[in-house]
Amino acid sequence: MDIVQVRRLLWQRRIALRFSDHAFIEARKDGLTTADLRAACEHGEVIEHYGARALLLHFTADDRLPYHIVLEYVGRGRVATVVTAYVPDAKEWEPDWKTRRKRKRR
């Protein structure tokens, strides 16, 4: 997924932004708002790519709470979808919130 293209299409209103039910539920659990999810789409940093999906990092308006969203856009579609949203667990992420911690092998 080309985030620059998706953002341009959203800004031009050539595609719509949709939030999956799962994204709404998970966002609410972590105290995230629709405005937070939209801000991540518009300004979040891509930290991982998964084909038509990307994992983005953003911070709440007060810069105190990091959160991730997974944004999906299938080229030539009319909708970009926030698939999920969550506050990352410090046990699973390095302090930069961009790098997954290495799992210890047993």
N, C-alpha and C. Protein backbone atom coordinates (compact mmCIF):
# COMPACT_ATOMS: atom_id res chain seq x y z
N MET A 1 0.85 -1.18 0.00
CA MET A 1 0.00 0.00 0.00
C MET A 1 0.89 1.24 0.00
N ASP A 2 0.52 2.19 -0.81
CA ASP A 2 1.24 3.46 -0.90
C ASP A 2 0.48 4.48 -0.05
N ILE A 3 0.98 4.75 1.16
CA ILE A 3 0.28 5.64 2.10
C ILE A 3 0.14 7.05 1.56
N VAL A 4 1.11 7.52 0.80
CA VAL A 4 1.02 8.87 0.23
C VAL A 4 -0.17 8.94 -0.74
N GLN A 5 -0.31 7.93 -1.56
CA GLN A 5 -1.43 7.89 -2.51
C GLN A 5 -2.76 7.80 -1.76
N VAL A 6 -2.84 6.95 -0.76
CA VAL A 6 -4.08 6.79 0.00
C VAL A 6 -4.46 8.12 0.67
N ARG A 7 -3.49 8.78 1.27
CA ARG A 7 -3.77 10.07 1.91
C ARG A 7 -4.25 11.11 0.89
N ARG A 8 -3.63 11.11 -0.27
CA ARG A 8 -4.04 12.05 -1.31
C ARG A 8 -5.48 11.76 -1.75
N LEU A 9 -5.80 10.49 -1.95
CA LEU A 9 -7.16 10.12 -2.36
C LEU A 9 -8.19 10.47 -1.28
N LEU A 10 -7.82 10.27 -0.02
CA LEU A 10 -8.72 10.65 1.07
C LEU A 10 -8.92 12.16 1.09
N TRP A 11 -7.83 12.90 0.98
CA TRP A 11 -7.91 14.36 1.01
C TRP A 11 -8.75 14.89 -0.16
N GLN A 12 -8.61 14.26 -1.31
CA GLN A 12 -9.37 14.67 -2.49
C GLN A 12 -10.81 14.13 -2.47
N ARG A 13 -11.12 13.36 -1.45
CA ARG A 13 -12.44 12.73 -1.31
C ARG A 13 -12.78 11.80 -2.47
N ARG A 14 -11.74 11.21 -3.04
CA ARG A 14 -11.96 10.24 -4.11
C ARG A 14 -12.20 8.85 -3.55
N ILE A 15 -11.80 8.64 -2.28
CA ILE A 15 -12.13 7.42 -1.56
C ILE A 15 -12.65 7.83 -0.18
N ALA A 16 -13.40 6.94 0.42
CA ALA A 16 -13.94 7.18 1.76
C ALA A 16 -13.11 6.45 2.79
N LEU A 17 -13.19 6.90 4.02
CA LEU A 17 -12.53 6.22 5.13
C LEU A 17 -13.60 5.51 5.94
N ARG A 18 -13.40 4.23 6.15
CA ARG A 18 -14.35 3.40 6.89
C ARG A 18 -13.64 2.80 8.09
N PHE A 19 -14.39 2.59 9.15
CA PHE A 19 -13.86 1.94 10.36
C PHE A 19 -14.60 0.63 10.54
N SER A 20 -13.86 -0.47 10.62
CA SER A 20 -14.51 -1.76 10.85
C SER A 20 -15.11 -1.77 12.26
N ASP A 21 -16.08 -2.64 12.47
CA ASP A 21 -16.66 -2.80 13.80
C ASP A 21 -15.57 -3.17 14.80
N HIS A 22 -14.68 -4.06 14.37
CA HIS A 22 -13.58 -4.48 15.25
C HIS A 22 -12.72 -3.28 15.66
N ALA A 23 -12.41 -2.39 14.71
CA ALA A 23 -11.60 -1.21 15.02
C ALA A 23 -12.31 -0.33 16.05
N PHE A 24 -13.62 -0.12 15.87
CA PHE A 24 -14.39 0.68 16.83
C PHE A 24 -14.33 0.07 18.23
N ILE A 25 -14.56 -1.22 18.31
CA ILE A 25 -14.58 -1.91 19.61
C ILE A 25 -13.22 -1.82 20.29
N GLU A 26 -12.17 -2.14 19.56
CA GLU A 26 -10.82 -2.13 20.15
C GLU A 26 -10.39 -0.71 20.51
N ALA A 27 -10.72 0.25 19.67
CA ALA A 27 -10.36 1.65 19.96
C ALA A 27 -11.04 2.12 21.23
N ARG A 28 -12.31 1.82 21.37
CA ARG A 28 -13.06 2.24 22.57
C ARG A 28 -12.48 1.62 23.83
N LYS A 29 -12.08 0.36 23.75
CA LYS A 29 -11.47 -0.32 24.91
C LYS A 29 -10.25 0.45 25.41
N ASP A 30 -9.51 1.06 24.48
CA ASP A 30 -8.28 1.76 24.83
C ASP A 30 -8.47 3.28 24.96
N GLY A 31 -9.71 3.73 24.88
CA GLY A 31 -9.99 5.15 25.05
C GLY A 31 -9.68 6.00 23.83
N LEU A 32 -9.59 5.37 22.66
CA LEU A 32 -9.31 6.10 21.43
C LEU A 32 -10.62 6.52 20.77
N THR A 33 -10.59 7.68 20.14
CA THR A 33 -11.77 8.22 19.50
C THR A 33 -11.69 8.06 17.99
N THR A 34 -12.79 8.31 17.32
CA THR A 34 -12.81 8.32 15.86
C THR A 34 -11.83 9.36 15.34
N ALA A 35 -11.74 10.50 16.02
CA ALA A 35 -10.80 11.54 15.61
C ALA A 35 -9.36 11.04 15.71
N ASP A 36 -9.06 10.24 16.74
CA ASP A 36 -7.72 9.65 16.86
C ASP A 36 -7.43 8.74 15.67
N LEU A 37 -8.40 7.91 15.31
CA LEU A 37 -8.20 6.98 14.19
C LEU A 37 -8.00 7.73 12.88
N ARG A 38 -8.80 8.76 12.68
CA ARG A 38 -8.66 9.57 11.47
C ARG A 38 -7.29 10.27 11.44
N ALA A 39 -6.85 10.80 12.59
CA ALA A 39 -5.55 11.48 12.66
C ALA A 39 -4.42 10.52 12.31
N ALA A 40 -4.52 9.28 12.77
CA ALA A 40 -3.49 8.29 12.45
C ALA A 40 -3.45 8.02 10.95
N CYS A 41 -4.61 7.96 10.32
CA CYS A 41 -4.65 7.77 8.86
C CYS A 41 -3.99 8.92 8.14
N GLU A 42 -4.23 10.12 8.62
CA GLU A 42 -3.72 11.32 7.96
C GLU A 42 -2.25 11.61 8.25
N HIS A 43 -1.79 11.25 9.47
CA HIS A 43 -0.45 11.68 9.89
C HIS A 43 0.43 10.59 10.49
N GLY A 44 -0.12 9.40 10.69
CA GLY A 44 0.64 8.34 11.34
C GLY A 44 1.84 7.89 10.51
N GLU A 45 2.79 7.33 11.21
CA GLU A 45 4.02 6.83 10.57
C GLU A 45 3.85 5.34 10.26
N VAL A 46 4.11 4.97 9.03
CA VAL A 46 4.04 3.56 8.65
C VAL A 46 5.24 2.84 9.26
N ILE A 47 4.95 1.80 10.03
CA ILE A 47 6.06 1.06 10.66
C ILE A 47 6.16 -0.37 10.15
N GLU A 48 5.11 -0.89 9.54
CA GLU A 48 5.16 -2.22 8.91
C GLU A 48 4.20 -2.23 7.72
N HIS A 49 4.57 -3.01 6.70
CA HIS A 49 3.72 -3.18 5.51
C HIS A 49 3.28 -4.63 5.44
N TYR A 50 2.04 -4.84 5.03
CA TYR A 50 1.50 -6.18 4.82
C TYR A 50 0.71 -6.20 3.52
N GLY A 51 1.33 -5.95 2.41
CA GLY A 51 0.62 -5.93 1.14
C GLY A 51 -0.34 -4.76 1.07
N ALA A 52 -1.64 -5.05 1.07
CA ALA A 52 -2.66 -3.99 0.98
C ALA A 52 -2.92 -3.33 2.32
N ARG A 53 -2.20 -3.76 3.36
CA ARG A 53 -2.36 -3.19 4.70
C ARG A 53 -1.05 -2.60 5.20
N ALA A 54 -1.19 -1.64 6.11
CA ALA A 54 -0.01 -1.05 6.75
C ALA A 54 -0.33 -0.81 8.21
N LEU A 55 0.68 -1.00 9.05
CA LEU A 55 0.58 -0.70 10.47
C LEU A 55 1.15 0.69 10.68
N LEU A 56 0.34 1.58 11.27
CA LEU A 56 0.76 2.96 11.49
C LEU A 56 0.83 3.26 12.98
N LEU A 57 1.79 4.08 13.33
CA LEU A 57 1.98 4.58 14.70
C LEU A 57 1.58 6.03 14.74
N HIS A 58 0.83 6.39 15.77
CA HIS A 58 0.49 7.78 16.00
C HIS A 58 0.35 7.99 17.51
N PHE A 59 0.23 9.23 17.92
CA PHE A 59 0.06 9.56 19.33
C PHE A 59 -1.21 10.39 19.50
N THR A 60 -1.85 10.27 20.66
CA THR A 60 -3.03 11.07 20.92
C THR A 60 -2.65 12.55 20.88
N ALA A 61 -3.66 13.41 20.80
CA ALA A 61 -3.44 14.85 20.63
C ALA A 61 -2.50 15.44 21.68
N ASP A 62 -2.51 14.89 22.89
CA ASP A 62 -1.63 15.41 23.95
C ASP A 62 -0.24 14.76 23.92
N ASP A 63 0.02 13.92 22.90
CA ASP A 63 1.30 13.22 22.72
C ASP A 63 1.67 12.30 23.87
N ARG A 64 0.70 11.89 24.65
CA ARG A 64 1.00 11.05 25.81
C ARG A 64 0.78 9.57 25.55
N LEU A 65 -0.12 9.24 24.64
CA LEU A 65 -0.48 7.85 24.45
C LEU A 65 -0.20 7.41 23.01
N PRO A 66 0.72 6.44 22.84
CA PRO A 66 0.96 5.92 21.50
C PRO A 66 -0.15 4.94 21.14
N TYR A 67 -0.45 4.85 19.87
CA TYR A 67 -1.40 3.82 19.43
C TYR A 67 -1.08 3.43 18.00
N HIS A 68 -1.52 2.23 17.66
CA HIS A 68 -1.33 1.69 16.33
C HIS A 68 -2.69 1.51 15.66
N ILE A 69 -2.71 1.65 14.36
CA ILE A 69 -3.87 1.24 13.58
C ILE A 69 -3.36 0.40 12.41
N VAL A 70 -4.21 -0.46 11.92
CA VAL A 70 -3.94 -1.16 10.66
C VAL A 70 -4.91 -0.58 9.65
N LEU A 71 -4.34 -0.01 8.59
CA LEU A 71 -5.12 0.60 7.52
C LEU A 71 -5.01 -0.27 6.29
N GLU A 72 -6.15 -0.53 5.65
CA GLU A 72 -6.19 -1.36 4.45
C GLU A 72 -6.75 -0.56 3.29
N TYR A 73 -6.07 -0.69 2.15
CA TYR A 73 -6.60 -0.10 0.92
C TYR A 73 -6.24 -1.03 -0.23
N VAL A 74 -7.27 -1.53 -0.86
CA VAL A 74 -7.07 -2.38 -2.03
C VAL A 74 -7.16 -1.45 -3.24
N GLY A 75 -6.07 -1.33 -3.96
CA GLY A 75 -5.99 -0.40 -5.07
C GLY A 75 -7.23 -0.37 -5.94
N ARG A 76 -7.58 0.81 -6.38
CA ARG A 76 -8.74 1.07 -7.22
C ARG A 76 -10.06 0.89 -6.49
N GLY A 77 -10.00 0.63 -5.21
CA GLY A 77 -11.23 0.56 -4.43
C GLY A 77 -11.71 1.96 -4.09
N ARG A 78 -12.88 2.06 -3.54
CA ARG A 78 -13.45 3.35 -3.19
C ARG A 78 -13.40 3.62 -1.70
N VAL A 79 -12.81 2.68 -0.95
CA VAL A 79 -12.80 2.79 0.51
C VAL A 79 -11.46 2.34 1.07
N ALA A 80 -10.95 3.11 2.02
CA ALA A 80 -9.82 2.68 2.84
C ALA A 80 -10.43 2.33 4.19
N THR A 81 -9.97 1.24 4.79
CA THR A 81 -10.59 0.75 6.02
C THR A 81 -9.58 0.66 7.15
N VAL A 82 -9.95 1.23 8.31
CA VAL A 82 -9.18 0.99 9.52
C VAL A 82 -9.67 -0.36 10.04
N VAL A 83 -8.80 -1.34 10.02
CA VAL A 83 -9.16 -2.71 10.36
C VAL A 83 -9.14 -2.93 11.87
N THR A 84 -8.13 -2.37 12.53
CA THR A 84 -8.04 -2.47 13.98
C THR A 84 -7.27 -1.27 14.51
N ALA A 85 -7.38 -1.08 15.81
CA ALA A 85 -6.67 0.01 16.50
C ALA A 85 -6.42 -0.45 17.92
N TYR A 86 -5.26 -0.08 18.45
CA TYR A 86 -4.95 -0.50 19.82
C TYR A 86 -3.78 0.30 20.36
N VAL A 87 -3.69 0.33 21.67
CA VAL A 87 -2.53 0.89 22.36
C VAL A 87 -1.54 -0.27 22.49
N PRO A 88 -0.33 -0.11 21.97
CA PRO A 88 0.63 -1.22 22.01
C PRO A 88 1.08 -1.55 23.44
N ASP A 89 1.32 -2.82 23.65
CA ASP A 89 1.77 -3.33 24.94
C ASP A 89 3.29 -3.16 25.05
N ALA A 90 3.74 -2.52 26.11
CA ALA A 90 5.17 -2.26 26.31
C ALA A 90 5.98 -3.56 26.39
N LYS A 91 5.35 -4.66 26.74
CA LYS A 91 6.05 -5.95 26.79
C LYS A 91 6.36 -6.47 25.39
N GLU A 92 5.59 -6.01 24.40
CA GLU A 92 5.74 -6.52 23.05
C GLU A 92 6.47 -5.56 22.11
N TRP A 93 6.63 -4.29 22.55
CA TRP A 93 7.22 -3.28 21.68
C TRP A 93 8.37 -2.58 22.38
N GLU A 94 9.37 -2.21 21.61
CA GLU A 94 10.49 -1.42 22.13
C GLU A 94 9.96 -0.02 22.49
N PRO A 95 10.73 0.74 23.28
CA PRO A 95 10.26 2.07 23.71
C PRO A 95 9.93 3.05 22.58
N ASP A 96 10.44 2.79 21.37
CA ASP A 96 10.10 3.68 20.24
C ASP A 96 8.70 3.38 19.68
N TRP A 97 8.07 2.29 20.13
CA TRP A 97 6.74 1.83 19.70
C TRP A 97 6.71 1.42 18.23
N LYS A 98 7.89 1.35 17.59
CA LYS A 98 7.97 1.00 16.17
C LYS A 98 8.55 -0.38 15.95
N THR A 99 9.25 -0.90 16.93
CA THR A 99 9.99 -2.14 16.78
C THR A 99 9.46 -3.19 17.73
N ARG A 100 9.11 -4.35 17.17
CA ARG A 100 8.63 -5.44 18.02
C ARG A 100 9.81 -6.00 18.81
N ARG A 101 9.56 -6.33 20.06
CA ARG A 101 10.60 -6.96 20.87
C ARG A 101 10.84 -8.37 20.35
N LYS A 102 12.07 -8.78 20.42
CA LYS A 102 12.42 -10.14 20.03
C LYS A 102 11.90 -11.10 21.08
N ARG A 103 11.30 -12.16 20.63
CA ARG A 103 10.80 -13.17 21.56
C ARG A 103 11.95 -14.09 21.94
N LYS A 104 12.00 -14.40 23.21
CA LYS A 104 13.06 -15.29 23.69
C LYS A 104 12.71 -16.72 23.31
N ARG A 105 13.70 -17.41 22.79
CA ARG A 105 13.49 -18.82 22.42
C ARG A 105 13.67 -19.68 23.67
N ARG A 106 12.92 -20.72 23.70
CA ARG A 106 13.01 -21.63 24.85
C ARG A 106 13.95 -22.75 24.60
